[in-house]
Amino acid sequence: RHRAMATIFRVSLLVTLSSCAAALRAVPPTRACISMSAAARPFTPNTPRDGGVISEPAAQWALGKMSCVDVDVDTPELRASVRTTFLRPDPSPASEPERPLVLFLHGADFSCLEWRLVMRPLLEAGIDCVALDWYSGGWTDRLPLNARLQRAADALPAEYQKGGGEVTPWAIVRQHLRAFWEQELEGRPVVLVGASLGGAVALDFATTHPEAVSKLILIDAGGESFKAPPPDTVASLAAPVLAVKSFFQGVQAKLPDDQSRIVSLHRDQPGCYDASLLYLRAGSMARRVGPQTARAVTQPTLVVWGSEDDILPLDDAYAFERDLPQCVGVREVKGSGHSPHLDNPEAVHPLLKDFILG
């Protein structure tokens, strides 16, 4: 069921881009004593837009454990306080023995809820798990990020559309992520886990800030390919791409089932549409991350891939194995699609645990 919903509706921006274009053509883990910051506070997401309820136990558990914190980003490109939402069910009290710290990055247009099915077994293994809502999804406030990107796009539209200049979506994402890491995680090295487009973000962050990442896990990650048109085409098709995406989201929002409600829950948040538009107008993450990024990774890296991924091919997993200097191998999850951690969490969480604790 998870796999079917992911294939039909929870397609990332990468896949929507491809569909629209076709239509228009006719180191060991750091064990740290880390506690939730005093500034973090409980966060309660909105209820489903169709008036229904989410009954899945794992989702109910995760929704009841969410937090938010105001993250201060102070760089030449962005100066803003960003209300940032995240899931950290069991932060380590300072009095506890040291525990490994893992930071999860969701795929495009999803949220920290993406990790609900693998997080609980990892917590039981003594791992401190944090799932962040970054710019492309969840409940993190996009408005200050959108405003900065819009000023850059208005000032130099041609340069912005080519992904040029210092103010780009990937730069803003990276700086927000680093500020969260410094502030909420106290600058302790993490095992960084990224899925789909979140995997590309993880690659960018791990190579730009290697001191922040002790190990890397890529799950059906973008980077070797993105299953999208070339970046210039992406930029030129931004508006029609979002029209197609909005249509499918409207259909999904009317489906009275848990998976549709979970995936759609964050999508009425302010700035969601503009964030997608600004990302696409810059040409997508393919302007920043590619095979050359993988070749620059210095951390031990595990690659996990659904054997039946119809979004990013299994060949990409082995391309990562070839390009990543310290890849420990590819772990295929048989019968799973683009989101094996949702399709078959029972097979995925032991892979993550062994690598994190190894």
Protein backbone atom coordinates (compact mmCIF):
# COMPACT_ATOMS: atom_id res chain seq x y z
CA ARG A 1 0.00 0.00 0.00
CA HIS A 2 2.80 2.40 0.88
CA ARG A 3 4.51 1.58 -2.40
CA ALA A 4 1.38 2.11 -4.47
CA MET A 5 0.68 5.48 -2.92
CA ALA A 6 4.27 6.55 -3.38
CA THR A 7 4.25 5.54 -7.05
CA ILE A 8 0.97 7.27 -7.91
CA PHE A 9 0.90 10.33 -5.71
CA ARG A 10 4.01 10.76 -3.57
CA VAL A 11 6.18 11.35 -6.60
CA SER A 12 8.83 13.93 -5.90
CA LEU A 13 9.29 17.10 -7.91
CA LEU A 14 11.80 15.15 -9.95
CA VAL A 15 9.17 12.83 -11.37
CA THR A 16 6.57 15.53 -11.84
CA LEU A 17 9.12 17.43 -13.90
CA SER A 18 9.68 14.47 -16.17
CA SER A 19 5.96 13.85 -16.68
CA CYS A 20 5.23 17.49 -17.43
CA ALA A 21 8.07 17.79 -19.90
CA ALA A 22 6.83 14.75 -21.81
CA ALA A 23 3.33 16.17 -21.94
CA LEU A 24 4.56 19.50 -23.21
CA ARG A 25 6.56 17.81 -25.95
CA ALA A 26 3.56 15.80 -27.08
CA VAL A 27 34.51 7.96 10.24
CA PRO A 28 32.79 5.90 13.38
CA PRO A 29 29.55 7.45 14.58
CA THR A 30 29.99 10.17 17.15
CA ARG A 31 28.43 9.21 20.47
CA ALA A 32 27.32 12.43 22.08
CA CYS A 33 25.34 13.51 25.11
CA ILE A 34 22.83 15.85 23.53
CA SER A 35 19.61 17.20 24.98
CA MET A 36 16.76 19.15 23.41
CA SER A 37 17.53 22.86 23.43
CA ALA A 38 15.67 25.04 25.90
CA ALA A 39 14.27 27.00 22.96
CA ALA A 40 12.59 23.98 21.36
CA ARG A 41 8.89 23.62 22.06
CA PRO A 42 6.12 21.16 21.22
CA PHE A 43 4.51 21.52 17.81
CA THR A 44 1.06 20.29 16.80
CA PRO A 45 0.47 20.03 13.03
CA ASN A 46 -2.81 20.83 11.36
CA THR A 47 -5.51 18.20 10.92
CA PRO A 48 -6.23 16.60 7.50
CA ARG A 49 -7.88 18.96 5.04
CA ASP A 50 -10.61 16.47 4.14
CA GLY A 51 -11.92 16.54 7.71
CA GLY A 52 -10.90 12.94 8.35
CA VAL A 53 -8.49 11.53 10.87
CA ILE A 54 -5.18 9.70 10.61
CA SER A 55 -5.49 6.29 12.23
CA GLU A 56 -2.07 4.76 11.50
CA PRO A 57 -0.44 4.18 14.91
CA ALA A 58 3.07 5.14 13.76
CA ALA A 59 1.82 8.41 12.29
CA GLN A 60 -0.19 9.22 15.41
CA TRP A 61 2.91 8.57 17.50
CA ALA A 62 5.10 10.81 15.32
CA LEU A 63 2.56 13.63 15.14
CA GLY A 64 2.46 13.67 18.93
CA LYS A 65 6.25 13.93 19.22
CA MET A 66 6.98 16.88 16.94
CA SER A 67 8.81 20.02 18.02
CA CYS A 68 9.72 23.41 16.60
CA VAL A 69 12.48 25.89 17.24
CA ASP A 70 13.41 29.30 15.86
CA VAL A 71 16.66 28.82 13.94
CA ASP A 72 18.74 31.93 13.39
CA VAL A 73 20.50 31.91 10.03
CA ASP A 74 23.15 34.61 9.74
CA THR A 75 25.12 34.44 6.50
CA PRO A 76 25.84 36.95 3.73
CA GLU A 77 23.14 35.24 1.65
CA LEU A 78 20.46 34.89 4.33
CA ARG A 79 19.76 36.64 7.61
CA ALA A 80 16.53 35.36 9.09
CA SER A 81 14.93 33.58 12.01
CA VAL A 82 13.25 30.48 10.62
CA ARG A 83 10.66 28.58 12.64
CA THR A 84 11.82 25.04 12.03
CA THR A 85 9.82 21.88 12.70
CA PHE A 86 11.35 18.51 13.41
CA LEU A 87 10.74 15.10 14.95
CA ARG A 88 13.03 14.09 17.82
CA PRO A 89 11.09 11.66 19.99
CA ASP A 90 13.76 10.78 22.53
CA PRO A 91 16.55 13.35 22.90
CA SER A 92 19.44 12.27 25.10
CA PRO A 93 19.45 13.84 28.56
CA ALA A 94 22.87 15.03 29.62
CA SER A 95 22.82 12.46 32.42
CA GLU A 96 22.55 9.49 30.01
CA PRO A 97 25.46 7.57 28.50
CA GLU A 98 26.59 8.74 25.10
CA ARG A 99 24.37 7.81 22.14
CA PRO A 100 24.83 8.00 18.36
CA LEU A 101 23.07 10.93 16.71
CA VAL A 102 21.32 10.57 13.35
CA LEU A 103 19.77 13.33 11.23
CA PHE A 104 17.17 12.36 8.60
CA LEU A 105 16.27 14.43 5.52
CA HIS A 106 12.96 13.67 3.79
CA GLY A 107 12.37 13.58 0.04
CA ALA A 108 10.80 16.33 -2.04
CA ASP A 109 7.41 17.57 -0.87
CA PHE A 110 7.13 15.23 2.11
CA SER A 111 7.90 15.81 5.79
CA CYS A 112 9.65 14.37 8.81
CA LEU A 113 6.76 11.87 8.99
CA GLU A 114 8.51 10.00 6.17
CA TRP A 115 10.81 8.43 8.79
CA ARG A 116 8.18 7.29 11.27
CA LEU A 117 8.37 3.58 10.40
CA VAL A 118 12.14 3.16 10.78
CA MET A 119 12.70 5.61 13.60
CA ARG A 120 11.11 3.67 16.46
CA PRO A 121 13.29 0.53 16.07
CA LEU A 122 16.38 2.75 15.92
CA LEU A 123 15.32 4.53 19.10
CA GLU A 124 14.94 1.13 20.78
CA ALA A 125 18.53 0.39 19.74
CA GLY A 126 19.70 3.46 21.68
CA ILE A 127 20.07 5.84 18.73
CA ASP A 128 19.12 9.52 19.06
CA CYS A 129 17.04 10.23 15.93
CA VAL A 130 16.19 13.66 14.51
CA ALA A 131 14.12 14.17 11.36
CA LEU A 132 14.13 17.72 10.01
CA ASP A 133 11.51 19.45 7.89
CA TRP A 134 13.68 21.21 5.33
CA TYR A 135 12.61 23.74 2.71
CA SER A 136 10.88 21.36 0.31
CA GLY A 137 8.31 19.98 2.75
CA GLY A 138 6.87 19.78 6.23
CA TRP A 139 5.88 22.67 8.47
CA THR A 140 9.10 24.68 8.58
CA ASP A 141 8.38 28.34 7.79
CA ARG A 142 9.27 28.96 4.14
CA LEU A 143 8.27 32.61 4.03
CA PRO A 144 11.64 34.18 5.00
CA LEU A 145 13.46 31.78 2.67
CA ASN A 146 11.06 32.50 -0.18
CA ALA A 147 11.41 36.24 0.36
CA ARG A 148 15.19 36.09 0.05
CA LEU A 149 15.07 33.92 -3.05
CA GLN A 150 12.43 36.12 -4.64
CA ARG A 151 14.60 39.20 -4.17
CA ALA A 152 17.46 37.40 -5.90
CA ALA A 153 15.18 36.27 -8.74
CA ASP A 154 13.79 39.79 -9.20
CA ALA A 155 17.21 41.46 -9.12
CA LEU A 156 18.88 39.20 -11.71
CA PRO A 157 16.22 37.03 -13.32
CA ALA A 158 18.40 35.59 -16.08
CA GLU A 159 21.20 34.71 -13.68
CA TYR A 160 18.77 33.18 -11.18
CA GLN A 161 17.21 31.02 -13.88
CA LYS A 162 20.68 29.71 -14.74
CA GLY A 163 21.28 28.81 -11.09
CA GLY A 164 23.94 31.50 -10.82
CA GLY A 165 24.79 33.94 -8.08
CA GLU A 166 25.29 33.36 -4.38
CA VAL A 167 21.60 33.22 -3.48
CA THR A 168 20.20 29.93 -4.78
CA PRO A 169 17.68 27.48 -3.30
CA TRP A 170 20.42 24.92 -2.56
CA ALA A 171 22.58 27.53 -0.82
CA ILE A 172 19.65 28.62 1.35
CA VAL A 173 18.75 25.01 2.17
CA ARG A 174 22.35 24.22 3.09
CA GLN A 175 22.69 27.30 5.31
CA HIS A 176 19.41 26.62 7.12
CA LEU A 177 20.48 23.02 7.69
CA ARG A 178 23.85 24.07 9.06
CA ALA A 179 22.24 26.63 11.39
CA PHE A 180 19.88 23.95 12.74
CA TRP A 181 22.82 21.58 13.22
CA GLU A 182 24.83 24.20 15.09
CA GLN A 183 21.96 25.45 17.23
CA GLU A 184 19.76 22.47 18.00
CA LEU A 185 22.34 19.66 17.68
CA GLU A 186 25.13 21.67 19.28
CA GLY A 187 27.45 21.20 16.32
CA ARG A 188 28.01 17.48 17.02
CA PRO A 189 28.84 15.29 14.00
CA VAL A 190 25.86 13.27 12.80
CA VAL A 191 25.13 10.24 10.73
CA LEU A 192 23.25 11.95 7.89
CA VAL A 193 20.46 10.05 6.11
CA GLY A 194 18.81 11.38 2.95
CA ALA A 195 16.09 9.91 0.76
CA SER A 196 15.35 10.86 -2.86
CA LEU A 197 15.91 14.63 -3.24
CA GLY A 198 16.89 14.67 0.43
CA GLY A 199 19.77 12.42 -0.56
CA ALA A 200 21.05 15.08 -2.94
CA VAL A 201 20.77 17.65 -0.14
CA ALA A 202 22.71 15.27 2.11
CA LEU A 203 25.47 14.91 -0.50
CA ASP A 204 25.74 18.68 -0.81
CA PHE A 205 25.86 19.17 2.94
CA ALA A 206 28.35 16.37 3.59
CA THR A 207 30.81 17.68 1.00
CA THR A 208 30.42 21.35 1.96
CA HIS A 209 30.56 20.75 5.72
CA PRO A 210 32.45 17.48 6.21
CA GLU A 211 33.09 18.33 9.86
CA ALA A 212 29.35 18.02 10.50
CA VAL A 213 28.91 14.49 9.11
CA SER A 214 30.57 11.34 10.42
CA LYS A 215 28.74 8.89 8.13
CA LEU A 216 26.31 9.15 5.24
CA ILE A 217 23.35 6.99 4.22
CA LEU A 218 21.71 7.45 0.81
CA ILE A 219 18.29 5.89 0.20
CA ASP A 220 17.18 5.94 -3.47
CA ALA A 221 18.94 9.28 -3.65
CA GLY A 222 19.14 11.86 -6.39
CA GLY A 223 22.62 12.73 -7.52
CA GLU A 224 23.70 10.25 -10.14
CA SER A 225 20.51 11.17 -11.98
CA PHE A 226 17.32 13.07 -11.20
CA LYS A 227 14.88 11.65 -13.77
CA ALA A 228 14.13 15.15 -14.95
CA PRO A 229 14.80 17.26 -18.04
CA PRO A 230 18.03 19.27 -18.17
CA PRO A 231 18.11 22.18 -15.68
CA ASP A 232 17.48 24.83 -18.34
CA THR A 233 14.32 22.98 -19.38
CA VAL A 234 13.26 22.62 -15.75
CA ALA A 235 13.61 26.38 -15.26
CA SER A 236 11.59 27.19 -18.37
CA LEU A 237 8.81 24.73 -17.44
CA ALA A 238 8.47 25.78 -13.80
CA ALA A 239 4.93 27.16 -14.03
CA PRO A 240 3.36 24.31 -16.06
CA VAL A 241 5.15 21.74 -13.90
CA LEU A 242 3.47 23.18 -10.82
CA ALA A 243 0.10 23.21 -12.57
CA VAL A 244 0.41 19.45 -13.15
CA LYS A 245 1.69 18.89 -9.63
CA SER A 246 -1.20 20.88 -8.12
CA PHE A 247 -3.71 18.84 -10.10
CA PHE A 248 -2.40 15.55 -8.72
CA GLN A 249 -2.25 16.99 -5.22
CA GLY A 250 -5.88 18.06 -5.51
CA VAL A 251 -6.86 14.52 -6.43
CA GLN A 252 -4.82 13.07 -3.59
CA ALA A 253 -6.29 15.45 -1.02
CA LYS A 254 -9.73 13.97 -1.70
CA LEU A 255 -8.72 10.36 -1.06
CA PRO A 256 -10.04 9.25 2.34
CA ASP A 257 -7.14 7.05 3.43
CA ASP A 258 -4.24 7.35 5.84
CA GLN A 259 -1.43 7.46 3.31
CA SER A 260 -2.98 10.28 1.28
CA ARG A 261 -3.64 12.27 4.43
CA ILE A 262 -0.11 11.76 5.76
CA VAL A 263 1.56 12.80 2.50
CA SER A 264 -0.78 15.78 2.00
CA LEU A 265 -0.92 17.02 5.56
CA HIS A 266 1.62 19.86 5.23
CA ARG A 267 0.67 21.07 1.76
CA ASP A 268 -1.62 23.93 2.77
CA GLN A 269 1.16 25.64 4.70
CA PRO A 270 2.02 29.21 3.64
CA GLY A 271 4.67 29.43 0.96
CA CYS A 272 4.54 25.82 -0.27
CA TYR A 273 3.66 26.75 -3.85
CA ASP A 274 6.14 29.63 -4.02
CA ALA A 275 8.92 27.44 -2.63
CA SER A 276 8.37 24.89 -5.38
CA LEU A 277 8.25 27.61 -8.01
CA LEU A 278 11.44 29.28 -6.82
CA TYR A 279 13.24 25.94 -6.69
CA LEU A 280 12.19 25.00 -10.22
CA ARG A 281 12.89 28.46 -11.66
CA ALA A 282 16.52 28.03 -10.58
CA GLY A 283 16.78 24.79 -12.57
CA SER A 284 16.65 22.24 -9.72
CA MET A 285 19.28 20.56 -7.54
CA ALA A 286 20.89 19.06 -10.64
CA ARG A 287 22.72 22.37 -11.04
CA ARG A 288 24.54 21.71 -7.77
CA VAL A 289 24.77 17.94 -7.22
CA GLY A 290 25.98 15.25 -9.60
CA PRO A 291 28.47 12.39 -9.86
CA GLN A 292 31.28 14.84 -9.13
CA THR A 293 29.68 15.52 -5.74
CA ALA A 294 29.65 11.83 -4.89
CA ARG A 295 33.33 11.60 -5.79
CA ALA A 296 34.08 14.37 -3.27
CA VAL A 297 32.45 12.61 -0.29
CA THR A 298 35.00 11.72 2.38
CA GLN A 299 32.71 9.91 4.84
CA PRO A 300 31.90 6.18 4.93
CA THR A 301 28.66 5.83 3.00
CA LEU A 302 25.94 3.18 2.82
CA VAL A 303 23.65 3.05 -0.22
CA VAL A 304 20.17 1.52 0.24
CA TRP A 305 17.92 1.07 -2.78
CA GLY A 306 14.55 -0.43 -3.65
CA SER A 307 15.09 -3.10 -6.30
CA GLU A 308 11.88 -2.06 -8.08
CA ASP A 309 12.42 1.71 -7.96
CA ASP A 310 10.64 3.12 -11.02
CA ILE A 311 11.71 6.69 -10.24
CA LEU A 312 15.50 6.42 -9.99
CA PRO A 313 16.93 3.22 -11.49
CA LEU A 314 18.82 0.60 -9.53
CA ASP A 315 21.78 1.34 -11.79
CA ASP A 316 22.15 4.64 -9.93
CA ALA A 317 22.87 2.73 -6.72
CA TYR A 318 25.84 1.01 -8.32
CA ALA A 319 26.97 4.27 -9.90
CA PHE A 320 27.11 5.66 -6.37
CA GLU A 321 29.08 2.63 -5.27
CA ARG A 322 31.57 3.34 -8.04
CA ASP A 323 31.84 7.08 -7.38
CA LEU A 324 31.76 7.27 -3.57
CA PRO A 325 35.36 6.90 -2.31
CA GLN A 326 34.33 5.20 0.94
CA CYS A 327 31.14 3.38 -0.06
CA VAL A 328 30.65 0.29 2.10
CA GLY A 329 28.30 -1.20 -0.45
CA VAL A 330 24.80 -1.25 -1.89
CA ARG A 331 21.97 -2.94 -0.02
CA GLU A 332 19.06 -3.81 -2.29
CA VAL A 333 15.63 -4.04 -0.70
CA LYS A 334 13.91 -6.67 -2.80
CA GLY A 335 10.46 -5.84 -4.07
CA SER A 336 10.52 -2.25 -2.83
CA GLY A 337 10.06 0.86 -4.91
CA HIS A 338 11.40 4.40 -4.54
CA SER A 339 10.78 4.51 -0.77
CA PRO A 340 11.97 1.22 0.74
CA HIS A 341 11.85 2.70 4.24
CA LEU A 342 8.08 3.02 3.74
CA ASP A 343 7.53 -0.07 1.58
CA ASN A 344 9.51 -2.45 3.78
CA PRO A 345 10.72 -0.79 6.99
CA GLU A 346 11.35 -4.18 8.60
CA ALA A 347 14.08 -4.81 6.03
CA VAL A 348 15.52 -1.29 6.10
CA HIS A 349 15.90 -0.43 9.78
CA PRO A 350 18.35 -3.29 10.51
CA LEU A 351 20.53 -2.07 7.63
CA LEU A 352 20.56 1.43 9.08
CA LYS A 353 21.16 0.22 12.62
CA ASP A 354 24.12 -1.99 11.71
CA PHE A 355 25.81 0.81 9.78
CA ILE A 356 25.13 3.48 12.40
CA LEU A 357 26.39 1.35 15.28
CA GLY A 358 29.18 -0.37 13.36
